């Protein structure tokens, strides 16, 4: 299964409660871009998983010059996924693809 999500960075830049969201999502960073990237990846995972889950129980890491990595130490997700992320101007696009049953 594949999940795709698009979001705008400006949506997060305008948030008055960005710090709360960053904490709730276990964001790997502390700014609007990091929050937007994490949100897009989480939403893509929900779509690929076919159900919602507690975002705070997993973490998305963004290694430099590499694809995002899902850290699911709590076995929240039913499947294993690879992520792809792209952003240009104000838009972030994330794709989550299931790699096992």
C-alpha atoms as a PDB file:
ATOM      1  CA  UNK A   1       0.000   0.000   0.000  1.00  0.00           C
ATOM      2  CA  UNK A   2       1.129   3.548  -0.680  1.00  0.00           C
ATOM      3  CA  UNK A   3       0.179   6.740   1.143  1.00  0.00           C
ATOM      4  CA  UNK A   4       0.812  10.265  -0.134  1.00  0.00           C
ATOM      5  CA  UNK A   5       0.418  13.631   1.576  1.00  0.00           C
ATOM      6  CA  UNK A   6       1.001  17.266   0.660  1.00  0.00           C
ATOM      7  CA  UNK A   7       1.146  20.189   3.047  1.00  0.00           C
ATOM      8  CA  UNK A   8       2.333  23.777   3.084  1.00  0.00           C
ATOM      9  CA  UNK A   9       5.156  25.005   5.305  1.00  0.00           C
ATOM     10  CA  UNK A  10       3.362  28.337   5.796  1.00  0.00           C
ATOM     11  CA  UNK A  11       0.535  26.476   7.552  1.00  0.00           C
ATOM     12  CA  UNK A  12       3.020  25.619  10.310  1.00  0.00           C
ATOM     13  CA  UNK A  13       4.796  28.983  10.245  1.00  0.00           C
ATOM     14  CA  UNK A  14       1.482  30.658  11.164  1.00  0.00           C
ATOM     15  CA  UNK A  15       0.720  28.306  14.084  1.00  0.00           C
ATOM     16  CA  UNK A  16       0.622  29.885  17.494  1.00  0.00           C
ATOM     17  CA  UNK A  17       0.914  26.434  19.104  1.00  0.00           C
ATOM     18  CA  UNK A  18       3.815  25.152  16.980  1.00  0.00           C
ATOM     19  CA  UNK A  19       5.904  24.242  20.037  1.00  0.00           C
ATOM     20  CA  UNK A  20       3.082  22.033  21.351  1.00  0.00           C
ATOM     21  CA  UNK A  21       2.702  20.305  17.987  1.00  0.00           C
ATOM     22  CA  UNK A  22       6.461  19.743  17.716  1.00  0.00           C
ATOM     23  CA  UNK A  23       6.433  18.046  21.121  1.00  0.00           C
ATOM     24  CA  UNK A  24       3.301  15.987  20.368  1.00  0.00           C
ATOM     25  CA  UNK A  25       4.695  14.705  17.044  1.00  0.00           C
ATOM     26  CA  UNK A  26       8.230  13.997  18.345  1.00  0.00           C
ATOM     27  CA  UNK A  27       9.537  16.283  15.588  1.00  0.00           C
ATOM     28  CA  UNK A  28      13.189  15.858  14.649  1.00  0.00           C
ATOM     29  CA  UNK A  29      13.848  19.610  14.796  1.00  0.00           C
ATOM     30  CA  UNK A  30      12.283  22.741  16.227  1.00  0.00           C
ATOM     31  CA  UNK A  31      10.928  24.828  13.351  1.00  0.00           C
ATOM     32  CA  UNK A  32       8.016  25.010  10.918  1.00  0.00           C
ATOM     33  CA  UNK A  33       9.862  23.164   8.150  1.00  0.00           C
ATOM     34  CA  UNK A  34      10.671  20.227  10.447  1.00  0.00           C
ATOM     35  CA  UNK A  35       7.052  20.156  11.653  1.00  0.00           C
ATOM     36  CA  UNK A  36       5.684  20.257   8.080  1.00  0.00           C
ATOM     37  CA  UNK A  37       7.996  17.430   6.977  1.00  0.00           C
ATOM     38  CA  UNK A  38       7.017  15.315   9.973  1.00  0.00           C
ATOM     39  CA  UNK A  39       3.301  16.018   9.504  1.00  0.00           C
ATOM     40  CA  UNK A  40       3.404  15.067   5.813  1.00  0.00           C
ATOM     41  CA  UNK A  41       5.240  11.823   6.589  1.00  0.00           C
ATOM     42  CA  UNK A  42       2.834  10.934   9.413  1.00  0.00           C
ATOM     43  CA  UNK A  43      -0.200  11.590   7.211  1.00  0.00           C
ATOM     44  CA  UNK A  44       1.294   9.512   4.383  1.00  0.00           C
ATOM     45  CA  UNK A  45       1.858   6.680   6.894  1.00  0.00           C
ATOM     46  CA  UNK A  46      -1.771   6.857   8.078  1.00  0.00           C
ATOM     47  CA  UNK A  47      -2.959   6.549   4.489  1.00  0.00           C
ATOM     48  CA  UNK A  48      -0.613   3.638   3.757  1.00  0.00           C
ATOM     49  CA  UNK A  49      -1.436   1.914   7.048  1.00  0.00           C
ATOM     50  CA  UNK A  50      -5.161   2.318   6.398  1.00  0.00           C
ATOM     51  CA  UNK A  51      -5.865   3.529   9.932  1.00  0.00           C
ATOM     52  CA  UNK A  52      -4.893   6.219  12.382  1.00  0.00           C
ATOM     53  CA  UNK A  53      -2.336   5.746  15.148  1.00  0.00           C
ATOM     54  CA  UNK A  54      -0.820   7.761  17.993  1.00  0.00           C
ATOM     55  CA  UNK A  55       1.685  10.032  16.249  1.00  0.00           C
ATOM     56  CA  UNK A  56       3.556  10.550  19.508  1.00  0.00           C
ATOM     57  CA  UNK A  57       4.547   6.882  19.685  1.00  0.00           C
ATOM     58  CA  UNK A  58       6.705   6.898  16.562  1.00  0.00           C
ATOM     59  CA  UNK A  59       9.436   9.221  15.353  1.00  0.00           C
ATOM     60  CA  UNK A  60      10.500  10.293  11.888  1.00  0.00           C
ATOM     61  CA  UNK A  61      14.222  11.012  11.535  1.00  0.00           C
ATOM     62  CA  UNK A  62      15.586  13.109   8.687  1.00  0.00           C
ATOM     63  CA  UNK A  63      19.214  12.119   8.068  1.00  0.00           C
ATOM     64  CA  UNK A  64      21.151  14.628   5.963  1.00  0.00           C
ATOM     65  CA  UNK A  65      20.907  13.853   2.215  1.00  0.00           C
ATOM     66  CA  UNK A  66      18.919  10.666   2.870  1.00  0.00           C
ATOM     67  CA  UNK A  67      15.334   9.488   2.886  1.00  0.00           C
ATOM     68  CA  UNK A  68      13.349   9.952   6.104  1.00  0.00           C
ATOM     69  CA  UNK A  69      13.410   6.980   8.468  1.00  0.00           C
ATOM     70  CA  UNK A  70      10.513   5.655  10.564  1.00  0.00           C
ATOM     71  CA  UNK A  71      11.460   4.811  14.158  1.00  0.00           C
ATOM     72  CA  UNK A  72       8.704   2.562  15.542  1.00  0.00           C
ATOM     73  CA  UNK A  73      10.182   1.173  18.763  1.00  0.00           C
ATOM     74  CA  UNK A  74       6.668   0.668  20.192  1.00  0.00           C
ATOM     75  CA  UNK A  75       5.467  -1.472  17.240  1.00  0.00           C
ATOM     76  CA  UNK A  76       2.591   0.934  16.619  1.00  0.00           C
ATOM     77  CA  UNK A  77       2.560   0.363  12.872  1.00  0.00           C
ATOM     78  CA  UNK A  78       1.308  -2.932  11.514  1.00  0.00           C
ATOM     79  CA  UNK A  79       3.789  -2.851   8.616  1.00  0.00           C
ATOM     80  CA  UNK A  80       7.269  -1.578   7.787  1.00  0.00           C
ATOM     81  CA  UNK A  81       7.567   1.430   5.476  1.00  0.00           C
ATOM     82  CA  UNK A  82      10.031   3.385   3.400  1.00  0.00           C
ATOM     83  CA  UNK A  83       9.482   7.124   3.084  1.00  0.00           C
ATOM     84  CA  UNK A  84      10.252   9.645   0.392  1.00  0.00           C
ATOM     85  CA  UNK A  85      10.043  13.382   0.928  1.00  0.00           C
ATOM     86  CA  UNK A  86      10.357  16.396  -1.312  1.00  0.00           C
ATOM     87  CA  UNK A  87       9.782  20.086  -0.774  1.00  0.00           C
ATOM     88  CA  UNK A  88       9.901  23.120  -2.988  1.00  0.00           C
ATOM     89  CA  UNK A  89       8.930  26.669  -2.102  1.00  0.00           C
ATOM     90  CA  UNK A  90       6.015  26.307   0.348  1.00  0.00           C
ATOM     91  CA  UNK A  91       5.012  22.717  -0.465  1.00  0.00           C
ATOM     92  CA  UNK A  92       6.101  19.476   1.182  1.00  0.00           C
ATOM     93  CA  UNK A  93       5.218  16.119  -0.404  1.00  0.00           C
ATOM     94  CA  UNK A  94       5.649  12.770   1.382  1.00  0.00           C
ATOM     95  CA  UNK A  95       5.175   9.213   0.179  1.00  0.00           C
ATOM     96  CA  UNK A  96       5.043   6.135   2.420  1.00  0.00           C
ATOM     97  CA  UNK A  97       5.338   2.702   0.827  1.00  0.00           C
ATOM     98  CA  UNK A  98       4.733  -0.580   2.643  1.00  0.00           C
ATOM     99  CA  UNK A  99       7.647  -2.971   2.226  1.00  0.00           C
ATOM    100  CA  UNK A 100       6.373  -6.110   4.011  1.00  0.00           C
ATOM    101  CA  UNK A 101       3.201  -7.867   5.159  1.00  0.00           C
END
